[in-house]
Amino acid sequence: MVILTTLSSPIELEMLKELFEENGIDIVVKHREAGEFLTIYMGTSTYGIDIFVKEEDELKARELYDLYFSEMQPIDEESLAKAAEEAVETNDSDSDEIL
């Protein structure tokens, strides 16, 4: 088995499981640290989820992963803070109109 990627959320895991199942690729999932417990208890984990595939499936798995997840770009802290501020401002202006 070889490591394919490390995911950051259970949602990504479910998406990947479905994609690979439809394409005949078996995966092994290993939560880091106490990640599995935290996912069960809180619904998410900050430790990451390692995904392993068979060596003979690695090339096909990487191609599928890259195609499927290429649209998902990580967001940096500054952009995230700006989006949060804009959302708060929008909610504040909406509540002022109601009053």
PDB file of N, CA and C in Angstrom:
ATOM      1  N   MET A   1       0.843  -1.180   0.000  1.00  0.00           N
ATOM      2  CA  MET A   1       0.000   0.000   0.000  1.00  0.00           C
ATOM      3  C   MET A   1       0.892   1.249   0.000  1.00  0.00           C
ATOM      4  N   VAL A   2       0.421   2.271  -0.697  1.00  0.00           N
ATOM      5  CA  VAL A   2       1.132   3.552  -0.741  1.00  0.00           C
ATOM      6  C   VAL A   2       0.159   4.645  -0.338  1.00  0.00           C
ATOM      7  N   ILE A   3       0.695   5.692   0.279  1.00  0.00           N
ATOM      8  CA  ILE A   3      -0.174   6.797   0.674  1.00  0.00           C
ATOM      9  C   ILE A   3      -0.492   7.636  -0.556  1.00  0.00           C
ATOM     10  N   LEU A   4      -1.764   7.929  -0.725  1.00  0.00           N
ATOM     11  CA  LEU A   4      -2.215   8.739  -1.858  1.00  0.00           C
ATOM     12  C   LEU A   4      -2.295  10.205  -1.466  1.00  0.00           C
ATOM     13  N   THR A   5      -2.943  10.460  -0.336  1.00  0.00           N
ATOM     14  CA  THR A   5      -3.145  11.836   0.106  1.00  0.00           C
ATOM     15  C   THR A   5      -3.557  11.845   1.569  1.00  0.00           C
ATOM     16  N   THR A   6      -3.617  13.026   2.119  1.00  0.00           N
ATOM     17  CA  THR A   6      -4.164  13.226   3.454  1.00  0.00           C
ATOM     18  C   THR A   6      -5.307  14.214   3.319  1.00  0.00           C
ATOM     19  N   LEU A   7      -6.474  13.787   3.732  1.00  0.00           N
ATOM     20  CA  LEU A   7      -7.668  14.624   3.645  1.00  0.00           C
ATOM     21  C   LEU A   7      -7.861  15.396   4.943  1.00  0.00           C
ATOM     22  N   SER A   8      -8.634  16.469   4.858  1.00  0.00           N
ATOM     23  CA  SER A   8      -8.830  17.291   6.043  1.00  0.00           C
ATOM     24  C   SER A   8     -10.218  17.166   6.648  1.00  0.00           C
ATOM     25  N   SER A   9     -11.119  16.458   5.977  1.00  0.00           N
ATOM     26  CA  SER A   9     -12.471  16.379   6.536  1.00  0.00           C
ATOM     27  C   SER A   9     -13.162  15.066   6.174  1.00  0.00           C
ATOM     28  N   PRO A  10     -14.107  14.661   7.018  1.00  0.00           N
ATOM     29  CA  PRO A  10     -14.893  13.462   6.726  1.00  0.00           C
ATOM     30  C   PRO A  10     -15.724  13.606   5.453  1.00  0.00           C
ATOM     31  N   ILE A  11     -16.083  14.817   5.111  1.00  0.00           N
ATOM     32  CA  ILE A  11     -16.869  15.052   3.889  1.00  0.00           C
ATOM     33  C   ILE A  11     -16.027  14.695   2.667  1.00  0.00           C
ATOM     34  N   GLU A  12     -14.771  15.165   2.646  1.00  0.00           N
ATOM     35  CA  GLU A  12     -13.876  14.812   1.550  1.00  0.00           C
ATOM     36  C   GLU A  12     -13.686  13.299   1.479  1.00  0.00           C
ATOM     37  N   LEU A  13     -13.592  12.661   2.642  1.00  0.00           N
ATOM     38  CA  LEU A  13     -13.426  11.213   2.697  1.00  0.00           C
ATOM     39  C   LEU A  13     -14.594  10.506   2.032  1.00  0.00           C
ATOM     40  N   GLU A  14     -15.801  10.900   2.344  1.00  0.00           N
ATOM     41  CA  GLU A  14     -16.981  10.260   1.753  1.00  0.00           C
ATOM     42  C   GLU A  14     -17.023  10.474   0.245  1.00  0.00           C
ATOM     43  N   MET A  15     -16.646  11.671  -0.205  1.00  0.00           N
ATOM     44  CA  MET A  15     -16.611  11.950  -1.638  1.00  0.00           C
ATOM     45  C   MET A  15     -15.584  11.055  -2.330  1.00  0.00           C
ATOM     46  N   LEU A  16     -14.411  10.935  -1.714  1.00  0.00           N
ATOM     47  CA  LEU A  16     -13.356  10.115  -2.290  1.00  0.00           C
ATOM     48  C   LEU A  16     -13.726   8.642  -2.297  1.00  0.00           C
ATOM     49  N   LYS A  17     -14.325   8.166  -1.219  1.00  0.00           N
ATOM     50  CA  LYS A  17     -14.759   6.765  -1.157  1.00  0.00           C
ATOM     51  C   LYS A  17     -15.705   6.443  -2.311  1.00  0.00           C
ATOM     52  N   GLU A  18     -16.676   7.311  -2.518  1.00  0.00           N
ATOM     53  CA  GLU A  18     -17.658   7.089  -3.591  1.00  0.00           C
ATOM     54  C   GLU A  18     -16.989   7.101  -4.961  1.00  0.00           C
ATOM     55  N   LEU A  19     -16.127   8.068  -5.191  1.00  0.00           N
ATOM     56  CA  LEU A  19     -15.422   8.176  -6.471  1.00  0.00           C
ATOM     57  C   LEU A  19     -14.597   6.925  -6.756  1.00  0.00           C
ATOM     58  N   PHE A  20     -13.836   6.492  -5.772  1.00  0.00           N
ATOM     59  CA  PHE A  20     -12.968   5.335  -5.985  1.00  0.00           C
ATOM     60  C   PHE A  20     -13.764   4.041  -6.071  1.00  0.00           C
ATOM     61  N   GLU A  21     -14.827   3.932  -5.305  1.00  0.00           N
ATOM     62  CA  GLU A  21     -15.671   2.734  -5.374  1.00  0.00           C
ATOM     63  C   GLU A  21     -16.260   2.582  -6.774  1.00  0.00           C
ATOM     64  N   GLU A  22     -16.719   3.693  -7.340  1.00  0.00           N
ATOM     65  CA  GLU A  22     -17.296   3.666  -8.686  1.00  0.00           C
ATOM     66  C   GLU A  22     -16.264   3.282  -9.740  1.00  0.00           C
ATOM     67  N   ASN A  23     -14.994   3.489  -9.427  1.00  0.00           N
ATOM     68  CA  ASN A  23     -13.927   3.203 -10.384  1.00  0.00           C
ATOM     69  C   ASN A  23     -13.098   1.976 -10.017  1.00  0.00           C
ATOM     70  N   GLY A  24     -13.594   1.180  -9.078  1.00  0.00           N
ATOM     71  CA  GLY A  24     -12.964  -0.085  -8.743  1.00  0.00           C
ATOM     72  C   GLY A  24     -11.642   0.015  -8.007  1.00  0.00           C
ATOM     73  N   ILE A  25     -11.446   1.079  -7.248  1.00  0.00           N
ATOM     74  CA  ILE A  25     -10.209   1.252  -6.493  1.00  0.00           C
ATOM     75  C   ILE A  25     -10.513   1.103  -5.006  1.00  0.00           C
ATOM     76  N   ASP A  26      -9.818   0.166  -4.373  1.00  0.00           N
ATOM     77  CA  ASP A  26      -9.973  -0.026  -2.928  1.00  0.00           C
ATOM     78  C   ASP A  26      -9.043   0.929  -2.189  1.00  0.00           C
ATOM     79  N   ILE A  27      -9.522   1.450  -1.063  1.00  0.00           N
ATOM     80  CA  ILE A  27      -8.694   2.329  -0.252  1.00  0.00           C
ATOM     81  C   ILE A  27      -8.646   1.820   1.184  1.00  0.00           C
ATOM     82  N   VAL A  28      -7.597   2.230   1.877  1.00  0.00           N
ATOM     83  CA  VAL A  28      -7.481   1.998   3.312  1.00  0.00           C
ATOM     84  C   VAL A  28      -7.424   3.385   3.953  1.00  0.00           C
ATOM     85  N   VAL A  29      -8.247   3.580   4.960  1.00  0.00           N
ATOM     86  CA  VAL A  29      -8.368   4.862   5.636  1.00  0.00           C
ATOM     87  C   VAL A  29      -7.719   4.764   7.013  1.00  0.00           C
ATOM     88  N   LYS A  30      -6.846   5.719   7.326  1.00  0.00           N
ATOM     89  CA  LYS A  30      -6.208   5.747   8.643  1.00  0.00           C
ATOM     90  C   LYS A  30      -6.284   7.166   9.190  1.00  0.00           C
ATOM     91  N   HIS A  31      -7.054   7.322  10.256  1.00  0.00           N
ATOM     92  CA  HIS A  31      -7.147   8.622  10.918  1.00  0.00           C
ATOM     93  C   HIS A  31      -5.888   8.859  11.730  1.00  0.00           C
ATOM     94  N   ARG A  32      -5.392  10.074  11.724  1.00  0.00           N
ATOM     95  CA  ARG A  32      -4.212  10.415  12.508  1.00  0.00           C
ATOM     96  C   ARG A  32      -4.608  10.703  13.956  1.00  0.00           C
ATOM     97  N   GLU A  33      -3.680  10.406  14.853  1.00  0.00           N
ATOM     98  CA  GLU A  33      -3.858  10.689  16.283  1.00  0.00           C
ATOM     99  C   GLU A  33      -5.214  10.167  16.770  1.00  0.00           C
ATOM    100  N   ALA A  34      -5.988  11.037  17.412  1.00  0.00           N
ATOM    101  CA  ALA A  34      -7.312  10.676  17.924  1.00  0.00           C
ATOM    102  C   ALA A  34      -8.400  11.099  16.940  1.00  0.00           C
ATOM    103  N   GLY A  35      -8.034  11.219  15.674  1.00  0.00           N
ATOM    104  CA  GLY A  35      -8.952  11.732  14.660  1.00  0.00           C
ATOM    105  C   GLY A  35     -10.235  10.949  14.502  1.00  0.00           C
ATOM    106  N   GLU A  36     -10.154   9.634  14.560  1.00  0.00           N
ATOM    107  CA  GLU A  36     -11.366   8.829  14.402  1.00  0.00           C
ATOM    108  C   GLU A  36     -12.332   9.074  15.560  1.00  0.00           C
ATOM    109  N   PHE A  37     -11.797   9.118  16.774  1.00  0.00           N
ATOM    110  CA  PHE A  37     -12.628   9.394  17.949  1.00  0.00           C
ATOM    111  C   PHE A  37     -13.261  10.779  17.840  1.00  0.00           C
ATOM    112  N   LEU A  38     -12.454  11.789  17.468  1.00  0.00           N
ATOM    113  CA  LEU A  38     -12.987  13.143  17.351  1.00  0.00           C
ATOM    114  C   LEU A  38     -14.053  13.240  16.265  1.00  0.00           C
ATOM    115  N   THR A  39     -13.865  12.512  15.172  1.00  0.00           N
ATOM    116  CA  THR A  39     -14.866  12.523  14.102  1.00  0.00           C
ATOM    117  C   THR A  39     -16.182  11.932  14.593  1.00  0.00           C
ATOM    118  N   ILE A  40     -16.090  10.863  15.371  1.00  0.00           N
ATOM    119  CA  ILE A  40     -17.309  10.259  15.923  1.00  0.00           C
ATOM    120  C   ILE A  40     -17.939  11.193  16.952  1.00  0.00           C
ATOM    121  N   TYR A  41     -17.132  11.754  17.821  1.00  0.00           N
ATOM    122  CA  TYR A  41     -17.622  12.571  18.928  1.00  0.00           C
ATOM    123  C   TYR A  41     -18.086  13.956  18.483  1.00  0.00           C
ATOM    124  N   MET A  42     -17.286  14.607  17.601  1.00  0.00           N
ATOM    125  CA  MET A  42     -17.579  15.995  17.232  1.00  0.00           C
ATOM    126  C   MET A  42     -17.999  16.170  15.774  1.00  0.00           C
ATOM    127  N   GLY A  43     -17.864  15.119  14.977  1.00  0.00           N
ATOM    128  CA  GLY A  43     -18.235  15.228  13.569  1.00  0.00           C
ATOM    129  C   GLY A  43     -17.103  15.668  12.667  1.00  0.00           C
ATOM    130  N   THR A  44     -15.961  16.019  13.236  1.00  0.00           N
ATOM    131  CA  THR A  44     -14.812  16.433  12.442  1.00  0.00           C
ATOM    132  C   THR A  44     -13.541  16.248  13.251  1.00  0.00           C
ATOM    133  N   SER A  45     -12.412  16.399  12.592  1.00  0.00           N
ATOM    134  CA  SER A  45     -11.124  16.253  13.253  1.00  0.00           C
ATOM    135  C   SER A  45     -10.124  17.178  12.583  1.00  0.00           C
ATOM    136  N   THR A  46      -9.192  17.691  13.341  1.00  0.00           N
ATOM    137  CA  THR A  46      -8.149  18.551  12.779  1.00  0.00           C
ATOM    138  C   THR A  46      -6.857  17.797  12.504  1.00  0.00           C
ATOM    139  N   TYR A  47      -6.828  16.499  12.760  1.00  0.00           N
ATOM    140  CA  TYR A  47      -5.612  15.711  12.621  1.00  0.00           C
ATOM    141  C   TYR A  47      -5.347  15.211  11.210  1.00  0.00           C
ATOM    142  N   GLY A  48      -6.345  15.080  10.390  1.00  0.00           N
ATOM    143  CA  GLY A  48      -6.159  14.598   9.031  1.00  0.00           C
ATOM    144  C   GLY A  48      -6.465  13.115   8.896  1.00  0.00           C
ATOM    145  N   ILE A  49      -6.752  12.722   7.673  1.00  0.00           N
ATOM    146  CA  ILE A  49      -7.117  11.346   7.361  1.00  0.00           C
ATOM    147  C   ILE A  49      -6.236  10.883   6.206  1.00  0.00           C
ATOM    148  N   ASP A  50      -5.370   9.912   6.476  1.00  0.00           N
ATOM    149  CA  ASP A  50      -4.485   9.380   5.440  1.00  0.00           C
ATOM    150  C   ASP A  50      -5.232   8.350   4.600  1.00  0.00           C
ATOM    151  N   ILE A  51      -5.039   8.438   3.286  1.00  0.00           N
ATOM    152  CA  ILE A  51      -5.670   7.521   2.339  1.00  0.00           C
ATOM    153  C   ILE A  51      -4.572   6.715   1.642  1.00  0.00           C
ATOM    154  N   PHE A  52      -4.708   5.402   1.713  1.00  0.00           N
ATOM    155  CA  PHE A  52      -3.751   4.488   1.089  1.00  0.00           C
ATOM    156  C   PHE A  52      -4.445   3.706  -0.024  1.00  0.00           C
ATOM    157  N   VAL A  53      -3.686   3.417  -1.088  1.00  0.00           N
ATOM    158  CA  VAL A  53      -4.179   2.590  -2.188  1.00  0.00           C
ATOM    159  C   VAL A  53      -3.127   1.530  -2.510  1.00  0.00           C
ATOM    160  N   LYS A  54      -3.539   0.508  -3.236  1.00  0.00           N
ATOM    161  CA  LYS A  54      -2.590  -0.508  -3.692  1.00  0.00           C
ATOM    162  C   LYS A  54      -1.617   0.134  -4.673  1.00  0.00           C
ATOM    163  N   GLU A  55      -0.396  -0.373  -4.681  1.00  0.00           N
ATOM    164  CA  GLU A  55       0.619   0.179  -5.588  1.00  0.00           C
ATOM    165  C   GLU A  55       0.177   0.124  -7.042  1.00  0.00           C
ATOM    166  N   GLU A  56      -0.482  -0.962  -7.428  1.00  0.00           N
ATOM    167  CA  GLU A  56      -0.913  -1.094  -8.828  1.00  0.00           C
ATOM    168  C   GLU A  56      -2.051  -0.139  -9.188  1.00  0.00           C
ATOM    169  N   ASP A  57      -2.743   0.413  -8.192  1.00  0.00           N
ATOM    170  CA  ASP A  57      -3.838   1.370  -8.432  1.00  0.00           C
ATOM    171  C   ASP A  57      -3.393   2.820  -8.268  1.00  0.00           C
ATOM    172  N   GLU A  58      -2.131   3.036  -7.884  1.00  0.00           N
ATOM    173  CA  GLU A  58      -1.682   4.391  -7.529  1.00  0.00           C
ATOM    174  C   GLU A  58      -1.841   5.392  -8.668  1.00  0.00           C
ATOM    175  N   LEU A  59      -1.398   5.060  -9.853  1.00  0.00           N
ATOM    176  CA  LEU A  59      -1.458   5.999 -10.983  1.00  0.00           C
ATOM    177  C   LEU A  59      -2.904   6.380 -11.296  1.00  0.00           C
ATOM    178  N   LYS A  60      -3.763   5.383 -11.418  1.00  0.00           N
ATOM    179  CA  LYS A  60      -5.177   5.642 -11.712  1.00  0.00           C
ATOM    180  C   LYS A  60      -5.818   6.458 -10.581  1.00  0.00           C
ATOM    181  N   ALA A  61      -5.486   6.121  -9.342  1.00  0.00           N
ATOM    182  CA  ALA A  61      -6.054   6.828  -8.191  1.00  0.00           C
ATOM    183  C   ALA A  61      -5.608   8.289  -8.171  1.00  0.00           C
ATOM    184  N   ARG A  62      -4.339   8.534  -8.458  1.00  0.00           N
ATOM    185  CA  ARG A  62      -3.830   9.917  -8.473  1.00  0.00           C
ATOM    186  C   ARG A  62      -4.501  10.733  -9.578  1.00  0.00           C
ATOM    187  N   GLU A  63      -4.674  10.126 -10.747  1.00  0.00           N
ATOM    188  CA  GLU A  63      -5.335  10.829 -11.843  1.00  0.00           C
ATOM    189  C   GLU A  63      -6.776  11.186 -11.474  1.00  0.00           C
ATOM    190  N   LEU A  64      -7.506  10.216 -10.930  1.00  0.00           N
ATOM    191  CA  LEU A  64      -8.884  10.482 -10.513  1.00  0.00           C
ATOM    192  C   LEU A  64      -8.946  11.548  -9.434  1.00  0.00           C
ATOM    193  N   TYR A  65      -8.067  11.423  -8.440  1.00  0.00           N
ATOM    194  CA  TYR A  65      -8.039  12.391  -7.346  1.00  0.00           C
ATOM    195  C   TYR A  65      -7.771  13.798  -7.876  1.00  0.00           C
ATOM    196  N   ASP A  66      -6.760  13.924  -8.722  1.00  0.00           N
ATOM    197  CA  ASP A  66      -6.406  15.238  -9.271  1.00  0.00           C
ATOM    198  C   ASP A  66      -7.535  15.830 -10.101  1.00  0.00           C
ATOM    199  N   LEU A  67      -8.181  15.010 -10.918  1.00  0.00           N
ATOM    200  CA  LEU A  67      -9.294  15.506 -11.732  1.00  0.00           C
ATOM    201  C   LEU A  67     -10.472  15.942 -10.874  1.00  0.00           C
ATOM    202  N   TYR A  68     -10.799  15.138  -9.885  1.00  0.00           N
ATOM    203  CA  TYR A  68     -11.987  15.385  -9.074  1.00  0.00           C
ATOM    204  C   TYR A  68     -11.797  16.543  -8.106  1.00  0.00           C
ATOM    205  N   PHE A  69     -10.624  16.616  -7.494  1.00  0.00           N
ATOM    206  CA  PHE A  69     -10.396  17.618  -6.464  1.00  0.00           C
ATOM    207  C   PHE A  69      -9.642  18.850  -6.959  1.00  0.00           C
ATOM    208  N   SER A  70      -9.346  18.942  -8.247  1.00  0.00           N
ATOM    209  CA  SER A  70      -8.594  20.091  -8.762  1.00  0.00           C
ATOM    210  C   SER A  70      -9.368  21.397  -8.626  1.00  0.00           C
ATOM    211  N   GLU A  71     -10.677  21.328  -8.625  1.00  0.00           N
ATOM    212  CA  GLU A  71     -11.495  22.537  -8.476  1.00  0.00           C
ATOM    213  C   GLU A  71     -11.506  23.057  -7.044  1.00  0.00           C
ATOM    214  N   MET A  72     -11.166  22.207  -6.096  1.00  0.00           N
ATOM    215  CA  MET A  72     -11.185  22.590  -4.696  1.00  0.00           C
ATOM    216  C   MET A  72      -9.840  23.217  -4.336  1.00  0.00           C
ATOM    217  N   GLN A  73      -9.798  24.516  -4.217  1.00  0.00           N
ATOM    218  CA  GLN A  73      -8.566  25.209  -3.890  1.00  0.00           C
ATOM    219  C   GLN A  73      -8.575  25.587  -2.413  1.00  0.00           C
ATOM    220  N   PRO A  74      -7.454  25.402  -1.736  1.00  0.00           N
ATOM    221  CA  PRO A  74      -7.400  25.798  -0.329  1.00  0.00           C
ATOM    222  C   PRO A  74      -7.516  27.313  -0.201  1.00  0.00           C
ATOM    223  N   ILE A  75      -8.068  27.745   0.903  1.00  0.00           N
ATOM    224  CA  ILE A  75      -8.241  29.172   1.151  1.00  0.00           C
ATOM    225  C   ILE A  75      -7.256  29.587   2.236  1.00  0.00           C
ATOM    226  N   ASP A  76      -6.597  30.720   2.026  1.00  0.00           N
ATOM    227  CA  ASP A  76      -5.633  31.178   3.014  1.00  0.00           C
ATOM    228  C   ASP A  76      -6.357  31.929   4.136  1.00  0.00           C
ATOM    229  N   GLU A  77      -5.673  32.135   5.249  1.00  0.00           N
ATOM    230  CA  GLU A  77      -6.270  32.752   6.435  1.00  0.00           C
ATOM    231  C   GLU A  77      -6.801  34.154   6.153  1.00  0.00           C
ATOM    232  N   GLU A  78      -6.072  34.933   5.374  1.00  0.00           N
ATOM    233  CA  GLU A  78      -6.481  36.307   5.079  1.00  0.00           C
ATOM    234  C   GLU A  78      -7.792  36.329   4.293  1.00  0.00           C
ATOM    235  N   SER A  79      -7.912  35.480   3.289  1.00  0.00           N
ATOM    236  CA  SER A  79      -9.143  35.411   2.500  1.00  0.00           C
ATOM    237  C   SER A  79     -10.312  34.924   3.336  1.00  0.00           C
ATOM    238  N   LEU A  80     -10.042  33.974   4.212  1.00  0.00           N
ATOM    239  CA  LEU A  80     -11.086  33.449   5.091  1.00  0.00           C
ATOM    240  C   LEU A  80     -11.586  34.537   6.036  1.00  0.00           C
ATOM    241  N   ALA A  81     -10.683  35.308   6.627  1.00  0.00           N
ATOM    242  CA  ALA A  81     -11.063  36.391   7.538  1.00  0.00           C
ATOM    243  C   ALA A  81     -11.872  37.454   6.798  1.00  0.00           C
ATOM    244  N   LYS A  82     -11.465  37.782   5.584  1.00  0.00           N
ATOM    245  CA  LYS A  82     -12.179  38.785   4.783  1.00  0.00           C
ATOM    246  C   LYS A  82     -13.594  38.308   4.456  1.00  0.00           C
ATOM    247  N   ALA A  83     -13.733  37.041   4.078  1.00  0.00           N
ATOM    248  CA  ALA A  83     -15.058  36.489   3.777  1.00  0.00           C
ATOM    249  C   ALA A  83     -15.941  36.494   5.007  1.00  0.00           C
ATOM    250  N   ALA A  84     -15.375  36.197   6.174  1.00  0.00           N
ATOM    251  CA  ALA A  84     -16.146  36.209   7.418  1.00  0.00           C
ATOM    252  C   ALA A  84     -16.608  37.621   7.756  1.00  0.00           C
ATOM    253  N   GLU A  85     -15.725  38.609   7.585  1.00  0.00           N
ATOM    254  CA  GLU A  85     -16.091  40.001   7.848  1.00  0.00           C
ATOM    255  C   GLU A  85     -17.212  40.463   6.920  1.00  0.00           C
ATOM    256  N   GLU A  86     -17.119  40.090   5.655  1.00  0.00           N
ATOM    257  CA  GLU A  86     -18.158  40.465   4.695  1.00  0.00           C
ATOM    258  C   GLU A  86     -19.495  39.826   5.051  1.00  0.00           C
ATOM    259  N   ALA A  87     -19.451  38.587   5.509  1.00  0.00           N
ATOM    260  CA  ALA A  87     -20.686  37.907   5.900  1.00  0.00           C
ATOM    261  C   ALA A  87     -21.318  38.586   7.106  1.00  0.00           C
ATOM    262  N   VAL A  88     -20.501  38.998   8.064  1.00  0.00           N
ATOM    263  CA  VAL A  88     -21.015  39.681   9.258  1.00  0.00           C
ATOM    264  C   VAL A  88     -21.600  41.030   8.867  1.00  0.00           C
ATOM    265  N   GLU A  89     -20.907  41.768   8.007  1.00  0.00           N
ATOM    266  CA  GLU A  89     -21.399  43.071   7.555  1.00  0.00           C
ATOM    267  C   GLU A  89     -22.731  42.927   6.831  1.00  0.00           C
ATOM    268  N   THR A  90     -22.864  41.909   5.998  1.00  0.00           N
ATOM    269  CA  THR A  90     -24.104  41.673   5.269  1.00  0.00           C
ATOM    270  C   THR A  90     -25.238  41.369   6.238  1.00  0.00           C
ATOM    271  N   ASN A  91     -24.974  40.533   7.232  1.00  0.00           N
ATOM    272  CA  ASN A  91     -25.999  40.201   8.229  1.00  0.00           C
ATOM    273  C   ASN A  91     -26.377  41.418   9.060  1.00  0.00           C
ATOM    274  N   ASP A  92     -25.407  42.261   9.413  1.00  0.00           N
ATOM    275  CA  ASP A  92     -25.689  43.468  10.188  1.00  0.00           C
ATOM    276  C   ASP A  92     -26.570  44.425   9.398  1.00  0.00           C
ATOM    277  N   SER A  93     -26.289  44.619   8.120  1.00  0.00           N
ATOM    278  CA  SER A  93     -27.089  45.539   7.310  1.00  0.00           C
ATOM    279  C   SER A  93     -28.483  44.987   7.061  1.00  0.00           C
ATOM    280  N   ASP A  94     -28.625  43.667   6.958  1.00  0.00           N
ATOM    281  CA  ASP A  94     -29.940  43.058   6.803  1.00  0.00           C
ATOM    282  C   ASP A  94     -30.778  43.232   8.053  1.00  0.00           C
ATOM    283  N   SER A  95     -30.173  43.114   9.225  1.00  0.00           N
ATOM    284  CA  SER A  95     -30.933  43.237  10.477  1.00  0.00           C
ATOM    285  C   SER A  95     -31.340  44.687  10.716  1.00  0.00           C
ATOM    286  N   ASP A  96     -30.529  45.657  10.252  1.00  0.00           N
ATOM    287  CA  ASP A  96     -30.886  47.068  10.390  1.00  0.00           C
ATOM    288  C   ASP A  96     -32.119  47.404   9.567  1.00  0.00           C
ATOM    289  N   GLU A  97     -32.245  46.804   8.401  1.00  0.00           N
ATOM    290  CA  GLU A  97     -33.387  47.064   7.529  1.00  0.00           C
ATOM    291  C   GLU A  97     -34.669  46.530   8.130  1.00  0.00           C
ATOM    292  N   ILE A  98     -34.596  45.446   8.843  1.00  0.00           N
ATOM    293  CA  ILE A  98     -35.790  44.832   9.438  1.00  0.00           C
ATOM    294  C   ILE A  98     -36.345  45.704  10.547  1.00  0.00           C
ATOM    295  N   LEU A  99     -35.454  46.321  11.318  1.00  0.00           N
ATOM    296  CA  LEU A  99     -35.887  47.163  12.432  1.00  0.00           C
ATOM    297  C   LEU A  99     -36.465  48.411  11.888  1.00  0.00           C
TER     298      LEU A  99
END
